PDB file of N, CA and C in Angstrom:
ATOM      1  N   MET A   1       0.845  -1.162   0.000  1.00  0.00           N
ATOM      2  CA  MET A   1       0.000   0.000   0.000  1.00  0.00           C
ATOM      3  C   MET A   1       0.899   1.236   0.000  1.00  0.00           C
ATOM      4  N   THR A   2       0.700   2.121  -0.940  1.00  0.00           N
ATOM      5  CA  THR A   2       1.469   3.358  -0.998  1.00  0.00           C
ATOM      6  C   THR A   2       0.683   4.466  -0.333  1.00  0.00           C
ATOM      7  N   ARG A   3       1.390   5.179   0.531  1.00  0.00           N
ATOM      8  CA  ARG A   3       0.755   6.274   1.247  1.00  0.00           C
ATOM      9  C   ARG A   3       1.747   7.424   1.327  1.00  0.00           C
ATOM     10  N   GLY A   4       1.519   8.491   0.599  1.00  0.00           N
ATOM     11  CA  GLY A   4       2.445   9.615   0.636  1.00  0.00           C
ATOM     12  C   GLY A   4       3.796   9.234   0.076  1.00  0.00           C
ATOM     13  N   ASN A   5       4.822   9.366   0.895  1.00  0.00           N
ATOM     14  CA  ASN A   5       6.187   9.093   0.456  1.00  0.00           C
ATOM     15  C   ASN A   5       6.690   7.729   0.893  1.00  0.00           C
ATOM     16  N   ALA A   6       5.794   6.793   1.172  1.00  0.00           N
ATOM     17  CA  ALA A   6       6.219   5.473   1.631  1.00  0.00           C
ATOM     18  C   ALA A   6       5.281   4.390   1.109  1.00  0.00           C
ATOM     19  N   THR A   7       5.849   3.205   0.931  1.00  0.00           N
ATOM     20  CA  THR A   7       5.069   2.029   0.563  1.00  0.00           C
ATOM     21  C   THR A   7       5.220   1.015   1.682  1.00  0.00           C
ATOM     22  N   ARG A   8       4.111   0.424   2.099  1.00  0.00           N
ATOM     23  CA  ARG A   8       4.107  -0.504   3.224  1.00  0.00           C
ATOM     24  C   ARG A   8       3.756  -1.892   2.721  1.00  0.00           C
ATOM     25  N   CYS A   9       4.470  -2.886   3.225  1.00  0.00           N
ATOM     26  CA  CYS A   9       4.202  -4.277   2.876  1.00  0.00           C
ATOM     27  C   CYS A   9       4.237  -5.101   4.161  1.00  0.00           C
ATOM     28  N   ALA A  10       3.204  -5.881   4.404  1.00  0.00           N
ATOM     29  CA  ALA A  10       3.137  -6.713   5.604  1.00  0.00           C
ATOM     30  C   ALA A  10       3.168  -8.182   5.209  1.00  0.00           C
ATOM     31  N   ALA A  11       3.751  -8.995   6.092  1.00  0.00           N
ATOM     32  CA  ALA A  11       3.751 -10.451   5.909  1.00  0.00           C
ATOM     33  C   ALA A  11       3.288 -11.079   7.220  1.00  0.00           C
ATOM     34  N   ILE A  12       2.377 -12.043   7.118  1.00  0.00           N
ATOM     35  CA  ILE A  12       1.809 -12.684   8.302  1.00  0.00           C
ATOM     36  C   ILE A  12       1.937 -14.195   8.164  1.00  0.00           C
ATOM     37  N   ASP A  13       2.457 -14.834   9.210  1.00  0.00           N
ATOM     38  CA  ASP A  13       2.523 -16.291   9.240  1.00  0.00           C
ATOM     39  C   ASP A  13       1.191 -16.797   9.791  1.00  0.00           C
ATOM     40  N   VAL A  14       0.477 -17.543   9.002  1.00  0.00           N
ATOM     41  CA  VAL A  14      -0.861 -18.004   9.381  1.00  0.00           C
ATOM     42  C   VAL A  14      -0.820 -18.925  10.592  1.00  0.00           C
ATOM     43  N   ALA A  15       0.187 -19.778  10.657  1.00  0.00           N
ATOM     44  CA  ALA A  15       0.258 -20.757  11.739  1.00  0.00           C
ATOM     45  C   ALA A  15       0.499 -20.115  13.102  1.00  0.00           C
ATOM     46  N   THR A  16       1.336 -19.078  13.133  1.00  0.00           N
ATOM     47  CA  THR A  16       1.703 -18.469  14.417  1.00  0.00           C
ATOM     48  C   THR A  16       1.057 -17.121  14.670  1.00  0.00           C
ATOM     49  N   GLY A  17       0.567 -16.479  13.622  1.00  0.00           N
ATOM     50  CA  GLY A  17      -0.018 -15.152  13.762  1.00  0.00           C
ATOM     51  C   GLY A  17       1.023 -14.040  13.844  1.00  0.00           C
ATOM     52  N   VAL A  18       2.301 -14.381  13.624  1.00  0.00           N
ATOM     53  CA  VAL A  18       3.377 -13.379  13.666  1.00  0.00           C
ATOM     54  C   VAL A  18       3.270 -12.496  12.422  1.00  0.00           C
ATOM     55  N   GLU A  19       3.360 -11.187  12.632  1.00  0.00           N
ATOM     56  CA  GLU A  19       3.278 -10.227  11.534  1.00  0.00           C
ATOM     57  C   GLU A  19       4.501  -9.320  11.553  1.00  0.00           C
ATOM     58  N   VAL A  20       5.023  -9.037  10.367  1.00  0.00           N
ATOM     59  CA  VAL A  20       6.103  -8.069  10.222  1.00  0.00           C
ATOM     60  C   VAL A  20       5.697  -7.069   9.148  1.00  0.00           C
ATOM     61  N   VAL A  21       6.269  -5.873   9.240  1.00  0.00           N
ATOM     62  CA  VAL A  21       5.960  -4.813   8.283  1.00  0.00           C
ATOM     63  C   VAL A  21       7.261  -4.241   7.755  1.00  0.00           C
ATOM     64  N   VAL A  22       7.286  -3.987   6.456  1.00  0.00           N
ATOM     65  CA  VAL A  22       8.424  -3.354   5.800  1.00  0.00           C
ATOM     66  C   VAL A  22       7.904  -2.063   5.164  1.00  0.00           C
ATOM     67  N   VAL A  23       8.656  -0.987   5.341  1.00  0.00           N
ATOM     68  CA  VAL A  23       8.301   0.289   4.731  1.00  0.00           C
ATOM     69  C   VAL A  23       9.441   0.710   3.820  1.00  0.00           C
ATOM     70  N   GLY A  24       9.112   1.082   2.593  1.00  0.00           N
ATOM     71  CA  GLY A  24      10.129   1.485   1.634  1.00  0.00           C
ATOM     72  C   GLY A  24       9.655   2.660   0.799  1.00  0.00           C
ATOM     73  N   PRO A  25      10.489   3.092  -0.121  1.00  0.00           N
ATOM     74  CA  PRO A  25      10.113   4.222  -0.973  1.00  0.00           C
ATOM     75  C   PRO A  25       9.043   3.809  -1.979  1.00  0.00           C
ATOM     76  N   PRO A  26       8.248   4.770  -2.442  1.00  0.00           N
ATOM     77  CA  PRO A  26       7.202   4.442  -3.416  1.00  0.00           C
ATOM     78  C   PRO A  26       7.762   3.898  -4.730  1.00  0.00           C
ATOM     79  N   SER A  27       9.018   4.172  -5.000  1.00  0.00           N
ATOM     80  CA  SER A  27       9.630   3.691  -6.243  1.00  0.00           C
ATOM     81  C   SER A  27      10.068   2.230  -6.151  1.00  0.00           C
ATOM     82  N   ALA A  28       9.999   1.641  -4.972  1.00  0.00           N
ATOM     83  CA  ALA A  28      10.418   0.250  -4.789  1.00  0.00           C
ATOM     84  C   ALA A  28       9.497  -0.683  -5.575  1.00  0.00           C
ATOM     85  N   ILE A  29      10.079  -1.734  -6.112  1.00  0.00           N
ATOM     86  CA  ILE A  29       9.304  -2.722  -6.852  1.00  0.00           C
ATOM     87  C   ILE A  29       8.599  -3.629  -5.844  1.00  0.00           C
ATOM     88  N   GLU A  30       7.348  -3.935  -6.116  1.00  0.00           N
ATOM     89  CA  GLU A  30       6.520  -4.715  -5.182  1.00  0.00           C
ATOM     90  C   GLU A  30       7.172  -6.047  -4.809  1.00  0.00           C
ATOM     91  N   THR A  31       7.754  -6.731  -5.778  1.00  0.00           N
ATOM     92  CA  THR A  31       8.372  -8.029  -5.483  1.00  0.00           C
ATOM     93  C   THR A  31       9.572  -7.875  -4.548  1.00  0.00           C
ATOM     94  N   GLN A  32      10.285  -6.761  -4.639  1.00  0.00           N
ATOM     95  CA  GLN A  32      11.412  -6.525  -3.738  1.00  0.00           C
ATOM     96  C   GLN A  32      10.920  -6.363  -2.305  1.00  0.00           C
ATOM     97  N   LEU A  33       9.878  -5.564  -2.111  1.00  0.00           N
ATOM     98  CA  LEU A  33       9.333  -5.368  -0.772  1.00  0.00           C
ATOM     99  C   LEU A  33       8.782  -6.668  -0.201  1.00  0.00           C
ATOM    100  N   LYS A  34       8.135  -7.456  -1.039  1.00  0.00           N
ATOM    101  CA  LYS A  34       7.612  -8.748  -0.583  1.00  0.00           C
ATOM    102  C   LYS A  34       8.740  -9.669  -0.148  1.00  0.00           C
ATOM    103  N   ALA A  35       9.829  -9.680  -0.908  1.00  0.00           N
ATOM    104  CA  ALA A  35      10.972 -10.533  -0.572  1.00  0.00           C
ATOM    105  C   ALA A  35      11.594 -10.114   0.755  1.00  0.00           C
ATOM    106  N   VAL A  36      11.725  -8.812   0.975  1.00  0.00           N
ATOM    107  CA  VAL A  36      12.287  -8.311   2.227  1.00  0.00           C
ATOM    108  C   VAL A  36      11.358  -8.662   3.393  1.00  0.00           C
ATOM    109  N   ALA A  37      10.057  -8.493   3.198  1.00  0.00           N
ATOM    110  CA  ALA A  37       9.095  -8.823   4.251  1.00  0.00           C
ATOM    111  C   ALA A  37       9.142 -10.313   4.588  1.00  0.00           C
ATOM    112  N   LEU A  38       9.266 -11.156   3.588  1.00  0.00           N
ATOM    113  CA  LEU A  38       9.331 -12.594   3.823  1.00  0.00           C
ATOM    114  C   LEU A  38      10.598 -12.973   4.580  1.00  0.00           C
ATOM    115  N   ARG A  39      11.742 -12.386   4.193  1.00  0.00           N
ATOM    116  CA  ARG A  39      12.996 -12.642   4.915  1.00  0.00           C
ATOM    117  C   ARG A  39      12.884 -12.201   6.365  1.00  0.00           C
ATOM    118  N   LYS A  40      12.278 -11.039   6.573  1.00  0.00           N
ATOM    119  CA  LYS A  40      12.111 -10.509   7.933  1.00  0.00           C
ATOM    120  C   LYS A  40      11.201 -11.431   8.748  1.00  0.00           C
ATOM    121  N   LEU A  41      10.144 -11.934   8.144  1.00  0.00           N
ATOM    122  CA  LEU A  41       9.221 -12.842   8.828  1.00  0.00           C
ATOM    123  C   LEU A  41       9.920 -14.143   9.206  1.00  0.00           C
ATOM    124  N   ARG A  42      10.687 -14.706   8.278  1.00  0.00           N
ATOM    125  CA  ARG A  42      11.412 -15.947   8.567  1.00  0.00           C
ATOM    126  C   ARG A  42      12.417 -15.751   9.692  1.00  0.00           C
ATOM    127  N   ALA A  43      13.085 -14.600   9.713  1.00  0.00           N
ATOM    128  CA  ALA A  43      14.049 -14.304  10.760  1.00  0.00           C
ATOM    129  C   ALA A  43      13.349 -14.170  12.106  1.00  0.00           C
ATOM    130  N   ARG A  44      12.212 -13.517  12.126  1.00  0.00           N
ATOM    131  CA  ARG A  44      11.458 -13.340  13.383  1.00  0.00           C
ATOM    132  C   ARG A  44      10.995 -14.684  13.917  1.00  0.00           C
ATOM    133  N   ILE A  45      10.515 -15.555  13.041  1.00  0.00           N
ATOM    134  CA  ILE A  45      10.050 -16.888  13.469  1.00  0.00           C
ATOM    135  C   ILE A  45      11.232 -17.720  13.967  1.00  0.00           C
ATOM    136  N   ALA A  46      12.381 -17.611  13.301  1.00  0.00           N
ATOM    137  CA  ALA A  46      13.567 -18.364  13.722  1.00  0.00           C
ATOM    138  C   ALA A  46      14.041 -17.936  15.102  1.00  0.00           C
ATOM    139  N   ARG A  47      13.822 -16.658  15.464  1.00  0.00           N
ATOM    140  CA  ARG A  47      14.194 -16.154  16.786  1.00  0.00           C
ATOM    141  C   ARG A  47      13.203 -16.588  17.863  1.00  0.00           C
ATOM    142  N   GLY A  48      12.114 -17.162  17.443  1.00  0.00           N
ATOM    143  CA  GLY A  48      11.122 -17.616  18.411  1.00  0.00           C
ATOM    144  C   GLY A  48       9.864 -16.764  18.410  1.00  0.00           C
ATOM    145  N   GLY A  49       9.677 -16.019  17.349  1.00  0.00           N
ATOM    146  CA  GLY A  49       8.456 -15.248  17.181  1.00  0.00           C
ATOM    147  C   GLY A  49       8.481 -13.997  17.940  1.00  0.00           C
TER     148      GLY A  49
END
């Protein structure tokens, strides 16, 4: 979702309910933001949620 000068992308693990959010520039490509959000989610789950 783009809002003003930022684009927000959230990733949620269905099994655990853990959610992470990535904020980037509006010029960022959607697949890049999704990839970063997924990496961040995997890292959070690996740390124990």
